[in-house]
Amino acid sequence: AAERRDKAVQILHEVYEPGGDTGAEMLTHRGEEGGIVLEGEIELTVGEQTRVLGPGDAYYFESGTPHRFRNRSKKKTVIVSACTPPFM
């Protein structure tokens, strides 16, 4: 996806299939991000903290803190998220 320097916020509809993962290396980028889990469960690690979030749970963090999303369940996970500035 092309970088959208003309926009201030990026909004995503994310689907993590069972076993889905943002990768073994933690992500870091400038900005802030947040989202809400609509369906399923996601394991979110931000820095040294790891939590499992389910439907209705929300998150927010500074994106410069290393982070990772993993679906360790047997069902798909659906999240709506936003970050600023856009990085995709």
PDB file of N, CA and C in Angstrom:
ATOM      1  N   ALA A   1       0.832  -1.184   0.000  1.00  0.00           N
ATOM      2  CA  ALA A   1       0.000   0.000   0.000  1.00  0.00           C
ATOM      3  C   ALA A   1       0.873   1.243   0.000  1.00  0.00           C
ATOM      4  N   ALA A   2       0.435   2.244  -0.669  1.00  0.00           N
ATOM      5  CA  ALA A   2       1.183   3.491  -0.749  1.00  0.00           C
ATOM      6  C   ALA A   2       1.017   4.300   0.527  1.00  0.00           C
ATOM      7  N   GLU A   3       2.069   5.004   0.900  1.00  0.00           N
ATOM      8  CA  GLU A   3       1.987   5.863   2.076  1.00  0.00           C
ATOM      9  C   GLU A   3       1.056   7.028   1.765  1.00  0.00           C
ATOM     10  N   ARG A   4       0.208   7.385   2.706  1.00  0.00           N
ATOM     11  CA  ARG A   4      -0.782   8.454   2.508  1.00  0.00           C
ATOM     12  C   ARG A   4      -0.378   9.672   3.303  1.00  0.00           C
ATOM     13  N   ARG A   5       0.581  10.418   2.819  1.00  0.00           N
ATOM     14  CA  ARG A   5       1.059  11.602   3.527  1.00  0.00           C
ATOM     15  C   ARG A   5       0.016  12.714   3.565  1.00  0.00           C
ATOM     16  N   ASP A   6      -1.027  12.596   2.728  1.00  0.00           N
ATOM     17  CA  ASP A   6      -2.069  13.620   2.700  1.00  0.00           C
ATOM     18  C   ASP A   6      -3.135  13.388   3.768  1.00  0.00           C
ATOM     19  N   LYS A   7      -3.049  12.301   4.513  1.00  0.00           N
ATOM     20  CA  LYS A   7      -4.035  11.967   5.547  1.00  0.00           C
ATOM     21  C   LYS A   7      -3.393  11.985   6.924  1.00  0.00           C
ATOM     22  N   ALA A   8      -4.179  12.284   7.954  1.00  0.00           N
ATOM     23  CA  ALA A   8      -3.661  12.355   9.317  1.00  0.00           C
ATOM     24  C   ALA A   8      -3.897  11.076  10.112  1.00  0.00           C
ATOM     25  N   VAL A   9      -4.891  10.268   9.701  1.00  0.00           N
ATOM     26  CA  VAL A   9      -5.253   9.057  10.433  1.00  0.00           C
ATOM     27  C   VAL A   9      -5.425   7.910   9.444  1.00  0.00           C
ATOM     28  N   GLN A  10      -4.982   6.745   9.850  1.00  0.00           N
ATOM     29  CA  GLN A  10      -5.187   5.526   9.061  1.00  0.00           C
ATOM     30  C   GLN A  10      -6.154   4.638   9.839  1.00  0.00           C
ATOM     31  N   ILE A  11      -7.212   4.187   9.185  1.00  0.00           N
ATOM     32  CA  ILE A  11      -8.197   3.318   9.819  1.00  0.00           C
ATOM     33  C   ILE A  11      -8.172   1.978   9.095  1.00  0.00           C
ATOM     34  N   LEU A  12      -8.083   0.898   9.873  1.00  0.00           N
ATOM     35  CA  LEU A  12      -7.973  -0.448   9.301  1.00  0.00           C
ATOM     36  C   LEU A  12      -9.057  -1.382   9.837  1.00  0.00           C
ATOM     37  N   HIS A  13      -9.522  -2.260   8.963  1.00  0.00           N
ATOM     38  CA  HIS A  13     -10.355  -3.405   9.345  1.00  0.00           C
ATOM     39  C   HIS A  13      -9.404  -4.593   9.249  1.00  0.00           C
ATOM     40  N   GLU A  14      -9.007  -5.129  10.396  1.00  0.00           N
ATOM     41  CA  GLU A  14      -8.000  -6.184  10.418  1.00  0.00           C
ATOM     42  C   GLU A  14      -8.633  -7.534  10.726  1.00  0.00           C
ATOM     43  N   VAL A  15      -8.180  -8.563  10.019  1.00  0.00           N
ATOM     44  CA  VAL A  15      -8.627  -9.931  10.282  1.00  0.00           C
ATOM     45  C   VAL A  15      -7.378 -10.779  10.501  1.00  0.00           C
ATOM     46  N   TYR A  16      -7.323 -11.408  11.653  1.00  0.00           N
ATOM     47  CA  TYR A  16      -6.242 -12.333  11.981  1.00  0.00           C
ATOM     48  C   TYR A  16      -6.825 -13.736  11.999  1.00  0.00           C
ATOM     49  N   GLU A  17      -6.400 -14.569  11.068  1.00  0.00           N
ATOM     50  CA  GLU A  17      -6.832 -15.964  11.047  1.00  0.00           C
ATOM     51  C   GLU A  17      -6.160 -16.693  12.217  1.00  0.00           C
ATOM     52  N   PRO A  18      -6.667 -17.881  12.591  1.00  0.00           N
ATOM     53  CA  PRO A  18      -6.017 -18.644  13.661  1.00  0.00           C
ATOM     54  C   PRO A  18      -4.522 -18.790  13.370  1.00  0.00           C
ATOM     55  N   GLY A  19      -3.703 -18.473  14.355  1.00  0.00           N
ATOM     56  CA  GLY A  19      -2.254 -18.527  14.176  1.00  0.00           C
ATOM     57  C   GLY A  19      -1.677 -17.270  13.549  1.00  0.00           C
ATOM     58  N   GLY A  20      -2.530 -16.322  13.159  1.00  0.00           N
ATOM     59  CA  GLY A  20      -2.069 -15.080  12.539  1.00  0.00           C
ATOM     60  C   GLY A  20      -1.221 -14.266  13.498  1.00  0.00           C
ATOM     61  N   ASP A  21      -0.223 -13.577  12.951  1.00  0.00           N
ATOM     62  CA  ASP A  21       0.779 -12.910  13.777  1.00  0.00           C
ATOM     63  C   ASP A  21       1.352 -11.749  12.967  1.00  0.00           C
ATOM     64  N   THR A  22       1.693 -10.658  13.630  1.00  0.00           N
ATOM     65  CA  THR A  22       2.340  -9.560  12.918  1.00  0.00           C
ATOM     66  C   THR A  22       3.822  -9.846  12.684  1.00  0.00           C
ATOM     67  N   GLY A  23       4.323 -10.952  13.206  1.00  0.00           N
ATOM     68  CA  GLY A  23       5.706 -11.354  12.954  1.00  0.00           C
ATOM     69  C   GLY A  23       6.482 -11.551  14.230  1.00  0.00           C
ATOM     70  N   ALA A  24       7.557 -12.313  14.128  1.00  0.00           N
ATOM     71  CA  ALA A  24       8.379 -12.631  15.294  1.00  0.00           C
ATOM     72  C   ALA A  24       9.064 -11.387  15.848  1.00  0.00           C
ATOM     73  N   GLU A  25       9.390 -10.432  14.975  1.00  0.00           N
ATOM     74  CA  GLU A  25      10.006  -9.192  15.435  1.00  0.00           C
ATOM     75  C   GLU A  25       8.923  -8.200  15.822  1.00  0.00           C
ATOM     76  N   MET A  26       9.133  -7.541  16.939  1.00  0.00           N
ATOM     77  CA  MET A  26       8.180  -6.537  17.407  1.00  0.00           C
ATOM     78  C   MET A  26       8.177  -5.358  16.441  1.00  0.00           C
ATOM     79  N   LEU A  27       7.002  -4.773  16.240  1.00  0.00           N
ATOM     80  CA  LEU A  27       6.864  -3.611  15.374  1.00  0.00           C
ATOM     81  C   LEU A  27       7.173  -2.336  16.153  1.00  0.00           C
ATOM     82  N   THR A  28       7.748  -1.361  15.497  1.00  0.00           N
ATOM     83  CA  THR A  28       7.905  -0.024  16.070  1.00  0.00           C
ATOM     84  C   THR A  28       7.787   0.975  14.933  1.00  0.00           C
ATOM     85  N   HIS A  29       7.072   2.032  15.175  1.00  0.00           N
ATOM     86  CA  HIS A  29       6.956   3.142  14.225  1.00  0.00           C
ATOM     87  C   HIS A  29       6.471   4.347  15.007  1.00  0.00           C
ATOM     88  N   ARG A  30       6.649   5.517  14.453  1.00  0.00           N
ATOM     89  CA  ARG A  30       6.262   6.706  15.199  1.00  0.00           C
ATOM     90  C   ARG A  30       4.747   6.825  15.251  1.00  0.00           C
ATOM     91  N   GLY A  31       4.244   7.491  16.262  1.00  0.00           N
ATOM     92  CA  GLY A  31       2.822   7.759  16.344  1.00  0.00           C
ATOM     93  C   GLY A  31       2.122   7.076  17.489  1.00  0.00           C
ATOM     94  N   GLU A  32       0.810   6.962  17.330  1.00  0.00           N
ATOM     95  CA  GLU A  32      -0.070   6.371  18.324  1.00  0.00           C
ATOM     96  C   GLU A  32      -1.058   5.467  17.608  1.00  0.00           C
ATOM     97  N   GLU A  33      -1.531   4.442  18.298  1.00  0.00           N
ATOM     98  CA  GLU A  33      -2.554   3.590  17.695  1.00  0.00           C
ATOM     99  C   GLU A  33      -3.503   3.046  18.744  1.00  0.00           C
ATOM    100  N   GLY A  34      -4.681   2.735  18.287  1.00  0.00           N
ATOM    101  CA  GLY A  34      -5.697   2.182  19.158  1.00  0.00           C
ATOM    102  C   GLY A  34      -6.682   1.391  18.326  1.00  0.00           C
ATOM    103  N   GLY A  35      -7.480   0.599  18.996  1.00  0.00           N
ATOM    104  CA  GLY A  35      -8.460  -0.196  18.278  1.00  0.00           C
ATOM    105  C   GLY A  35      -9.413  -0.877  19.230  1.00  0.00           C
ATOM    106  N   ILE A  36     -10.349  -1.608  18.632  1.00  0.00           N
ATOM    107  CA  ILE A  36     -11.331  -2.374  19.399  1.00  0.00           C
ATOM    108  C   ILE A  36     -11.503  -3.737  18.737  1.00  0.00           C
ATOM    109  N   VAL A  37     -11.556  -4.761  19.574  1.00  0.00           N
ATOM    110  CA  VAL A  37     -11.768  -6.124  19.091  1.00  0.00           C
ATOM    111  C   VAL A  37     -13.272  -6.320  18.884  1.00  0.00           C
ATOM    112  N   LEU A  38     -13.649  -6.709  17.674  1.00  0.00           N
ATOM    113  CA  LEU A  38     -15.056  -6.960  17.364  1.00  0.00           C
ATOM    114  C   LEU A  38     -15.428  -8.427  17.519  1.00  0.00           C
ATOM    115  N   GLU A  39     -14.463  -9.301  17.236  1.00  0.00           N
ATOM    116  CA  GLU A  39     -14.745 -10.741  17.216  1.00  0.00           C
ATOM    117  C   GLU A  39     -13.459 -11.498  17.523  1.00  0.00           C
ATOM    118  N   GLY A  40     -13.562 -12.575  18.282  1.00  0.00           N
ATOM    119  CA  GLY A  40     -12.395 -13.406  18.579  1.00  0.00           C
ATOM    120  C   GLY A  40     -11.542 -12.849  19.695  1.00  0.00           C
ATOM    121  N   GLU A  41     -10.292 -13.315  19.743  1.00  0.00           N
ATOM    122  CA  GLU A  41      -9.342 -12.896  20.771  1.00  0.00           C
ATOM    123  C   GLU A  41      -8.005 -12.588  20.118  1.00  0.00           C
ATOM    124  N   ILE A  42      -7.292 -11.608  20.674  1.00  0.00           N
ATOM    125  CA  ILE A  42      -5.963 -11.274  20.174  1.00  0.00           C
ATOM    126  C   ILE A  42      -5.025 -11.121  21.364  1.00  0.00           C
ATOM    127  N   GLU A  43      -3.840 -11.652  21.237  1.00  0.00           N
ATOM    128  CA  GLU A  43      -2.804 -11.441  22.233  1.00  0.00           C
ATOM    129  C   GLU A  43      -2.011 -10.220  21.789  1.00  0.00           C
ATOM    130  N   LEU A  44      -2.006  -9.189  22.606  1.00  0.00           N
ATOM    131  CA  LEU A  44      -1.307  -7.949  22.293  1.00  0.00           C
ATOM    132  C   LEU A  44      -0.158  -7.767  23.275  1.00  0.00           C
ATOM    133  N   THR A  45       1.033  -7.625  22.739  1.00  0.00           N
ATOM    134  CA  THR A  45       2.215  -7.339  23.552  1.00  0.00           C
ATOM    135  C   THR A  45       2.669  -5.930  23.217  1.00  0.00           C
ATOM    136  N   VAL A  46       2.804  -5.106  24.248  1.00  0.00           N
ATOM    137  CA  VAL A  46       3.328  -3.745  24.104  1.00  0.00           C
ATOM    138  C   VAL A  46       4.428  -3.609  25.144  1.00  0.00           C
ATOM    139  N   GLY A  47       5.656  -3.468  24.667  1.00  0.00           N
ATOM    140  CA  GLY A  47       6.781  -3.432  25.594  1.00  0.00           C
ATOM    141  C   GLY A  47       6.871  -4.738  26.361  1.00  0.00           C
ATOM    142  N   GLU A  48       6.847  -4.650  27.678  1.00  0.00           N
ATOM    143  CA  GLU A  48       6.957  -5.836  28.535  1.00  0.00           C
ATOM    144  C   GLU A  48       5.594  -6.403  28.939  1.00  0.00           C
ATOM    145  N   GLN A  49       4.496  -5.767  28.504  1.00  0.00           N
ATOM    146  CA  GLN A  49       3.164  -6.205  28.923  1.00  0.00           C
ATOM    147  C   GLN A  49       2.472  -6.998  27.816  1.00  0.00           C
ATOM    148  N   THR A  50       1.861  -8.104  28.185  1.00  0.00           N
ATOM    149  CA  THR A  50       1.086  -8.924  27.256  1.00  0.00           C
ATOM    150  C   THR A  50      -0.299  -9.128  27.838  1.00  0.00           C
ATOM    151  N   ARG A  51      -1.308  -8.916  27.003  1.00  0.00           N
ATOM    152  CA  ARG A  51      -2.701  -9.115  27.425  1.00  0.00           C
ATOM    153  C   ARG A  51      -3.445  -9.830  26.311  1.00  0.00           C
ATOM    154  N   VAL A  52      -4.464 -10.584  26.676  1.00  0.00           N
ATOM    155  CA  VAL A  52      -5.371 -11.192  25.701  1.00  0.00           C
ATOM    156  C   VAL A  52      -6.655 -10.379  25.731  1.00  0.00           C
ATOM    157  N   LEU A  53      -7.027  -9.846  24.578  1.00  0.00           N
ATOM    158  CA  LEU A  53      -8.215  -9.010  24.455  1.00  0.00           C
ATOM    159  C   LEU A  53      -9.301  -9.755  23.690  1.00  0.00           C
ATOM    160  N   GLY A  54     -10.558  -9.541  24.100  1.00  0.00           N
ATOM    161  CA  GLY A  54     -11.697 -10.180  23.451  1.00  0.00           C
ATOM    162  C   GLY A  54     -12.696  -9.146  22.972  1.00  0.00           C
ATOM    163  N   PRO A  55     -13.839  -9.599  22.471  1.00  0.00           N
ATOM    164  CA  PRO A  55     -14.851  -8.697  21.925  1.00  0.00           C
ATOM    165  C   PRO A  55     -15.217  -7.571  22.898  1.00  0.00           C
ATOM    166  N   GLY A  56     -15.168  -6.346  22.392  1.00  0.00           N
ATOM    167  CA  GLY A  56     -15.486  -5.187  23.199  1.00  0.00           C
ATOM    168  C   GLY A  56     -14.288  -4.571  23.894  1.00  0.00           C
ATOM    169  N   ASP A  57     -13.174  -5.295  23.963  1.00  0.00           N
ATOM    170  CA  ASP A  57     -11.965  -4.745  24.584  1.00  0.00           C
ATOM    171  C   ASP A  57     -11.280  -3.797  23.605  1.00  0.00           C
ATOM    172  N   ALA A  58     -10.743  -2.712  24.148  1.00  0.00           N
ATOM    173  CA  ALA A  58     -10.056  -1.718  23.340  1.00  0.00           C
ATOM    174  C   ALA A  58      -8.623  -1.568  23.826  1.00  0.00           C
ATOM    175  N   TYR A  59      -7.772  -0.989  22.978  1.00  0.00           N
ATOM    176  CA  TYR A  59      -6.381  -0.740  23.338  1.00  0.00           C
ATOM    177  C   TYR A  59      -5.935   0.589  22.761  1.00  0.00           C
ATOM    178  N   TYR A  60      -4.888   1.139  23.362  1.00  0.00           N
ATOM    179  CA  TYR A  60      -4.266   2.367  22.887  1.00  0.00           C
ATOM    180  C   TYR A  60      -2.832   2.378  23.388  1.00  0.00           C
ATOM    181  N   PHE A  61      -1.883   2.738  22.525  1.00  0.00           N
ATOM    182  CA  PHE A  61      -0.494   2.833  22.957  1.00  0.00           C
ATOM    183  C   PHE A  61       0.309   3.702  22.000  1.00  0.00           C
ATOM    184  N   GLU A  62       1.480   4.121  22.479  1.00  0.00           N
ATOM    185  CA  GLU A  62       2.440   4.856  21.656  1.00  0.00           C
ATOM    186  C   GLU A  62       3.128   3.832  20.753  1.00  0.00           C
ATOM    187  N   SER A  63       3.081   4.047  19.449  1.00  0.00           N
ATOM    188  CA  SER A  63       3.584   3.061  18.493  1.00  0.00           C
ATOM    189  C   SER A  63       5.097   2.909  18.506  1.00  0.00           C
ATOM    190  N   GLY A  64       5.809   3.854  19.119  1.00  0.00           N
ATOM    191  CA  GLY A  64       7.254   3.727  19.250  1.00  0.00           C
ATOM    192  C   GLY A  64       7.656   2.650  20.227  1.00  0.00           C
ATOM    193  N   THR A  65       6.718   2.211  21.076  1.00  0.00           N
ATOM    194  CA  THR A  65       6.958   1.095  21.986  1.00  0.00           C
ATOM    195  C   THR A  65       6.841  -0.199  21.176  1.00  0.00           C
ATOM    196  N   PRO A  66       7.830  -1.083  21.223  1.00  0.00           N
ATOM    197  CA  PRO A  66       7.749  -2.321  20.451  1.00  0.00           C
ATOM    198  C   PRO A  66       6.454  -3.076  20.761  1.00  0.00           C
ATOM    199  N   HIS A  67       5.789  -3.547  19.693  1.00  0.00           N
ATOM    200  CA  HIS A  67       4.494  -4.213  19.886  1.00  0.00           C
ATOM    201  C   HIS A  67       4.284  -5.332  18.871  1.00  0.00           C
ATOM    202  N   ARG A  68       3.356  -6.221  19.228  1.00  0.00           N
ATOM    203  CA  ARG A  68       3.080  -7.405  18.402  1.00  0.00           C
ATOM    204  C   ARG A  68       1.661  -7.862  18.664  1.00  0.00           C
ATOM    205  N   PHE A  69       0.975  -8.321  17.607  1.00  0.00           N
ATOM    206  CA  PHE A  69      -0.368  -8.886  17.692  1.00  0.00           C
ATOM    207  C   PHE A  69      -0.294 -10.346  17.265  1.00  0.00           C
ATOM    208  N   ARG A  70      -0.940 -11.240  18.048  1.00  0.00           N
ATOM    209  CA  ARG A  70      -0.982 -12.671  17.695  1.00  0.00           C
ATOM    210  C   ARG A  70      -2.349 -13.251  18.009  1.00  0.00           C
ATOM    211  N   ASN A  71      -2.872 -14.024  17.082  1.00  0.00           N
ATOM    212  CA  ASN A  71      -4.112 -14.767  17.323  1.00  0.00           C
ATOM    213  C   ASN A  71      -3.718 -16.196  17.661  1.00  0.00           C
ATOM    214  N   ARG A  72      -3.766 -16.514  18.940  1.00  0.00           N
ATOM    215  CA  ARG A  72      -3.379 -17.852  19.390  1.00  0.00           C
ATOM    216  C   ARG A  72      -4.593 -18.762  19.550  1.00  0.00           C
ATOM    217  N   SER A  73      -5.778 -18.276  19.124  1.00  0.00           N
ATOM    218  CA  SER A  73      -6.998 -19.070  19.270  1.00  0.00           C
ATOM    219  C   SER A  73      -7.270 -19.872  17.997  1.00  0.00           C
ATOM    220  N   LYS A  74      -8.361 -20.614  18.015  1.00  0.00           N
ATOM    221  CA  LYS A  74      -8.750 -21.430  16.856  1.00  0.00           C
ATOM    222  C   LYS A  74      -9.821 -20.741  16.017  1.00  0.00           C
ATOM    223  N   LYS A  75     -10.148 -19.478  16.343  1.00  0.00           N
ATOM    224  CA  LYS A  75     -11.142 -18.714  15.601  1.00  0.00           C
ATOM    225  C   LYS A  75     -10.498 -17.454  15.046  1.00  0.00           C
ATOM    226  N   LYS A  76     -11.075 -16.911  13.982  1.00  0.00           N
ATOM    227  CA  LYS A  76     -10.541 -15.654  13.450  1.00  0.00           C
ATOM    228  C   LYS A  76     -10.830 -14.513  14.415  1.00  0.00           C
ATOM    229  N   THR A  77      -9.994 -13.506  14.341  1.00  0.00           N
ATOM    230  CA  THR A  77     -10.148 -12.300  15.149  1.00  0.00           C
ATOM    231  C   THR A  77     -10.347 -11.119  14.217  1.00  0.00           C
ATOM    232  N   VAL A  78     -11.302 -10.261  14.551  1.00  0.00           N
ATOM    233  CA  VAL A  78     -11.584  -9.070  13.755  1.00  0.00           C
ATOM    234  C   VAL A  78     -11.396  -7.847  14.650  1.00  0.00           C
ATOM    235  N   ILE A  79     -10.621  -6.888  14.147  1.00  0.00           N
ATOM    236  CA  ILE A  79     -10.313  -5.663  14.881  1.00  0.00           C
ATOM    237  C   ILE A  79     -10.533  -4.472  13.951  1.00  0.00           C
ATOM    238  N   VAL A  80     -11.041  -3.375  14.492  1.00  0.00           N
ATOM    239  CA  VAL A  80     -11.015  -2.093  13.791  1.00  0.00           C
ATOM    240  C   VAL A  80     -10.017  -1.230  14.546  1.00  0.00           C
ATOM    241  N   SER A  81      -9.023  -0.719  13.822  1.00  0.00           N
ATOM    242  CA  SER A  81      -7.973   0.051  14.470  1.00  0.00           C
ATOM    243  C   SER A  81      -7.721   1.361  13.746  1.00  0.00           C
ATOM    244  N   ALA A  82      -7.042   2.253  14.436  1.00  0.00           N
ATOM    245  CA  ALA A  82      -6.655   3.526  13.848  1.00  0.00           C
ATOM    246  C   ALA A  82      -5.262   3.868  14.345  1.00  0.00           C
ATOM    247  N   CYS A  83      -4.484   4.530  13.479  1.00  0.00           N
ATOM    248  CA  CYS A  83      -3.179   5.008  13.910  1.00  0.00           C
ATOM    249  C   CYS A  83      -2.899   6.351  13.265  1.00  0.00           C
ATOM    250  N   THR A  84      -2.096   7.120  13.950  1.00  0.00           N
ATOM    251  CA  THR A  84      -1.679   8.400  13.423  1.00  0.00           C
ATOM    252  C   THR A  84      -0.202   8.557  13.749  1.00  0.00           C
ATOM    253  N   PRO A  85       0.602   8.983  12.800  1.00  0.00           N
ATOM    254  CA  PRO A  85       0.262   9.200  11.406  1.00  0.00           C
ATOM    255  C   PRO A  85       0.155   7.870  10.664  1.00  0.00           C
ATOM    256  N   PRO A  86      -0.486   7.870   9.479  1.00  0.00           N
ATOM    257  CA  PRO A  86      -0.579   6.642   8.693  1.00  0.00           C
ATOM    258  C   PRO A  86       0.814   6.093   8.373  1.00  0.00           C
ATOM    259  N   PHE A  87       0.959   4.783   8.400  1.00  0.00           N
ATOM    260  CA  PHE A  87       2.251   4.197   8.024  1.00  0.00           C
ATOM    261  C   PHE A  87       2.123   3.227   6.870  1.00  0.00           C
ATOM    262  N   MET A  88       0.906   3.041   6.355  1.00  0.00           N
ATOM    263  CA  MET A  88       0.692   2.171   5.185  1.00  0.00           C
ATOM    264  C   MET A  88      -0.001   2.954   4.114  1.00  0.00           C
TER     265      MET A  88
END
